[in-house]
Amino acid sequence: MGYRTAPCSKEGLSMNDFILTTQRIRKYYRFAYLAEMFYFFLDLMPGFVRSYVMRFLLGACGTHVIIDYKCYIRPPKYVKIGSDIYIGRGVRIFAYSEEHSVTISDHVLIGPDVLLTVLGHDHSTQDLPNRYGRIFIGENVWIGARAVICPGVEINHGAVVGAGAVVTKDVPPNTIVAGVPARPIGQRPSLSE
């Protein structure tokens, strides 16, 4: 049993449009190959070297930042990271532009294999157009392993995202969320208490 694909239709595209599309695909694959090679060699380096190199590539980076092995940040110039941050093994962060960026505030712990992406698709139409939204993570946030943070989400200060949660809506301050989709399951005491 093999994979089934929909028949490819070029209706509405001229041959020049098709050639430009093919050229764009080739350019993307060249870029993706070089990015994979870069991250492969970066993973061979000790942790302090990896964090030092990423400091220059990120849009902003505070002090005491640990970026574990197998992390993938693309493109790094649209990702801003504060101080006292731990980004666990295998975390994937996808930003798109200055307007659709990822911002991580101070004192944040991100568990292994977490996905933060500013790009999704609008499923309300048949052609699935792209949908973008920036991601903001406030101070003192903890994100559990294998959580997914969807486009346009703001996780406010002191919140906790449970392991495996899919966060599709904003998380209020000091709230613990879990599940698919993520729902509030508890409260953390605020720092003033």
Protein backbone atom coordinates (compact mmCIF):
# COMPACT_ATOMS: atom_id res chain seq x y z
CA MET A 1 0.00 0.00 0.00
CA GLY A 2 1.59 3.25 -1.13
CA TYR A 3 0.95 6.92 -0.53
CA ARG A 4 -1.91 8.50 -2.45
CA THR A 5 -1.50 11.99 -3.78
CA ALA A 6 -3.98 14.31 -5.40
CA PRO A 7 -3.48 14.84 -9.13
CA CYS A 8 -1.29 17.83 -9.84
CA SER A 9 -3.08 20.57 -11.73
CA LYS A 10 -1.41 23.55 -13.38
CA GLU A 11 -4.69 25.25 -14.31
CA GLY A 12 -4.42 28.98 -13.84
CA LEU A 13 -0.61 28.91 -13.91
CA SER A 14 1.40 29.88 -16.95
CA MET A 15 4.58 27.97 -17.74
CA ASN A 16 6.62 30.94 -16.41
CA ASP A 17 4.74 30.76 -13.09
CA PHE A 18 5.45 27.04 -12.88
CA ILE A 19 9.17 27.56 -13.62
CA LEU A 20 9.39 30.29 -10.97
CA THR A 21 7.70 27.97 -8.49
CA THR A 22 10.18 25.21 -9.31
CA GLN A 23 13.07 27.64 -8.88
CA ARG A 24 11.70 28.73 -5.51
CA ILE A 25 11.46 25.10 -4.42
CA ARG A 26 15.06 24.43 -5.45
CA LYS A 27 16.22 27.57 -3.62
CA TYR A 28 14.33 26.44 -0.50
CA TYR A 29 15.95 22.98 -0.59
CA ARG A 30 19.43 24.50 -0.94
CA PHE A 31 18.74 26.77 2.03
CA ALA A 32 17.25 23.91 4.08
CA TYR A 33 20.31 21.74 3.35
CA LEU A 34 22.71 24.46 4.48
CA ALA A 35 20.63 25.11 7.61
CA GLU A 36 20.63 21.40 8.49
CA MET A 37 24.41 21.24 8.03
CA PHE A 38 24.84 24.29 10.26
CA TYR A 39 22.73 22.77 13.06
CA PHE A 40 24.46 19.40 12.64
CA PHE A 41 27.89 20.96 13.23
CA LEU A 42 26.51 23.16 16.02
CA ASP A 43 25.30 20.01 17.82
CA LEU A 44 28.85 18.64 17.74
CA MET A 45 30.03 21.62 19.79
CA PRO A 46 29.96 21.77 23.61
CA GLY A 47 26.93 23.52 25.12
CA PHE A 48 28.73 26.76 25.98
CA VAL A 49 29.95 27.11 22.37
CA ARG A 50 26.45 26.46 20.98
CA SER A 51 24.91 29.06 23.29
CA TYR A 52 27.70 31.53 22.42
CA VAL A 53 27.14 31.12 18.66
CA MET A 54 23.34 31.43 18.98
CA ARG A 55 23.77 34.65 20.97
CA PHE A 56 25.03 36.35 17.79
CA LEU A 57 22.34 34.87 15.52
CA LEU A 58 19.28 35.61 17.68
CA GLY A 59 17.41 38.90 17.42
CA ALA A 60 18.15 39.49 21.12
CA CYS A 61 19.67 37.29 23.79
CA GLY A 62 20.15 37.92 27.51
CA THR A 63 22.64 36.34 29.89
CA HIS A 64 22.68 32.83 31.39
CA VAL A 65 20.99 31.19 28.41
CA ILE A 66 21.34 27.43 27.92
CA ILE A 67 20.35 25.98 24.56
CA ASP A 68 20.49 22.18 24.70
CA TYR A 69 21.37 19.79 21.86
CA LYS A 70 19.16 19.28 18.78
CA CYS A 71 17.45 22.69 19.10
CA TYR A 72 16.29 24.24 15.84
CA ILE A 73 15.53 27.97 15.65
CA ARG A 74 14.51 29.38 12.29
CA PRO A 75 15.11 32.16 11.39
CA PRO A 76 16.98 33.11 14.56
CA LYS A 77 16.95 36.86 13.87
CA TYR A 78 13.20 36.98 14.63
CA VAL A 79 13.53 35.21 17.99
CA LYS A 80 14.20 37.29 21.11
CA ILE A 81 15.28 35.56 24.31
CA GLY A 82 15.67 37.10 27.78
CA SER A 83 17.99 36.13 30.64
CA ASP A 84 18.11 32.97 32.78
CA ILE A 85 16.58 30.75 30.11
CA TYR A 86 16.80 27.00 29.64
CA ILE A 87 15.72 25.63 26.25
CA GLY A 88 15.52 21.85 26.40
CA ARG A 89 16.77 19.24 23.99
CA GLY A 90 15.01 19.08 20.62
CA VAL A 91 13.02 22.32 20.96
CA ARG A 92 11.87 23.73 17.62
CA ILE A 93 11.10 27.44 17.26
CA PHE A 94 9.73 28.77 13.98
CA ALA A 95 9.35 32.54 13.53
CA TYR A 96 8.50 34.28 10.26
CA SER A 97 9.13 38.03 10.33
CA GLU A 98 9.60 40.96 12.71
CA GLU A 99 5.82 41.26 13.00
CA HIS A 100 5.36 37.50 13.46
CA SER A 101 8.18 36.80 15.88
CA VAL A 102 8.78 34.75 19.03
CA THR A 103 9.62 36.55 22.28
CA ILE A 104 10.69 34.65 25.40
CA SER A 105 10.99 36.75 28.58
CA ASP A 106 13.28 36.18 31.59
CA HIS A 107 13.36 33.09 33.86
CA VAL A 108 11.68 30.66 31.45
CA LEU A 109 12.12 26.87 31.37
CA ILE A 110 11.21 25.06 28.15
CA GLY A 111 11.18 21.26 28.33
CA PRO A 112 12.41 18.87 25.64
CA ASP A 113 10.75 18.54 22.21
CA VAL A 114 8.55 21.63 22.60
CA LEU A 115 7.29 23.26 19.36
CA LEU A 116 6.68 27.00 19.07
CA THR A 117 5.44 28.06 15.64
CA VAL A 118 4.01 31.35 14.36
CA LEU A 119 2.73 29.74 11.16
CA GLY A 120 -0.41 27.69 10.73
CA HIS A 121 -3.20 27.24 8.19
CA ASP A 122 -6.78 28.49 8.15
CA HIS A 123 -8.86 25.31 7.96
CA SER A 124 -12.14 27.15 7.34
CA THR A 125 -11.51 27.22 3.57
CA GLN A 126 -10.57 24.50 1.10
CA ASP A 127 -7.30 26.08 -0.06
CA LEU A 128 -5.85 26.27 3.51
CA PRO A 129 -4.25 29.75 3.34
CA ASN A 130 -1.38 30.55 5.69
CA ARG A 131 -2.22 32.08 9.07
CA TYR A 132 0.40 33.93 11.12
CA GLY A 133 0.55 35.20 14.69
CA ARG A 134 3.33 36.21 17.04
CA ILE A 135 4.13 34.22 20.18
CA PHE A 136 4.93 35.90 23.48
CA ILE A 137 6.06 34.02 26.61
CA GLY A 138 6.10 36.04 29.83
CA GLU A 139 8.45 35.82 32.82
CA ASN A 140 8.70 32.79 35.13
CA VAL A 141 6.89 30.47 32.71
CA TRP A 142 7.47 26.72 32.60
CA ILE A 143 6.56 24.78 29.46
CA GLY A 144 6.49 20.98 29.85
CA ALA A 145 7.91 18.42 27.43
CA ARG A 146 6.36 18.02 23.98
CA ALA A 147 3.96 20.93 24.36
CA VAL A 148 2.87 22.76 21.21
CA ILE A 149 2.44 26.54 21.26
CA CYS A 150 0.29 27.65 18.30
CA PRO A 151 0.36 30.96 16.37
CA GLY A 152 -0.90 34.10 18.10
CA VAL A 153 -0.61 32.72 21.65
CA GLU A 154 0.47 34.79 24.66
CA ILE A 155 1.54 32.86 27.75
CA ASN A 156 1.48 35.37 30.60
CA HIS A 157 3.89 35.55 33.56
CA GLY A 158 3.98 32.70 36.03
CA ALA A 159 1.99 30.27 33.87
CA VAL A 160 2.71 26.55 33.55
CA VAL A 161 1.98 24.53 30.40
CA GLY A 162 1.66 20.81 31.07
CA ALA A 163 3.56 18.17 29.11
CA GLY A 164 1.96 17.35 25.77
CA ALA A 165 -0.48 20.28 25.89
CA VAL A 166 -1.55 22.05 22.70
CA VAL A 167 -1.95 25.74 23.52
CA THR A 168 -4.32 27.45 21.07
CA LYS A 169 -5.46 30.40 23.23
CA ASP A 170 -3.80 32.92 25.55
CA VAL A 171 -2.87 31.65 29.03
CA PRO A 172 -3.71 34.02 31.94
CA PRO A 173 -1.05 34.87 34.56
CA ASN A 174 -0.17 32.17 37.13
CA THR A 175 -2.48 29.63 35.46
CA ILE A 176 -1.65 25.95 34.96
CA VAL A 177 -2.97 24.56 31.67
CA ALA A 178 -2.91 21.03 30.26
CA GLY A 179 -4.63 18.89 27.66
CA VAL A 180 -5.53 19.04 23.98
CA PRO A 181 -6.56 21.78 23.53
CA ALA A 182 -5.03 23.24 26.68
CA ARG A 183 -7.49 24.18 29.45
CA PRO A 184 -6.91 25.67 32.92
CA ILE A 185 -6.49 22.98 35.60
CA GLY A 186 -5.12 25.04 38.47
CA GLN A 187 -3.49 28.22 39.75
CA ARG A 188 0.02 28.99 40.98
CA PRO A 189 0.57 31.46 43.81
CA SER A 190 1.74 34.84 42.56
CA LEU A 191 5.22 36.12 43.50
CA SER A 192 3.70 38.70 45.86
CA GLU A 193 2.02 35.99 48.02
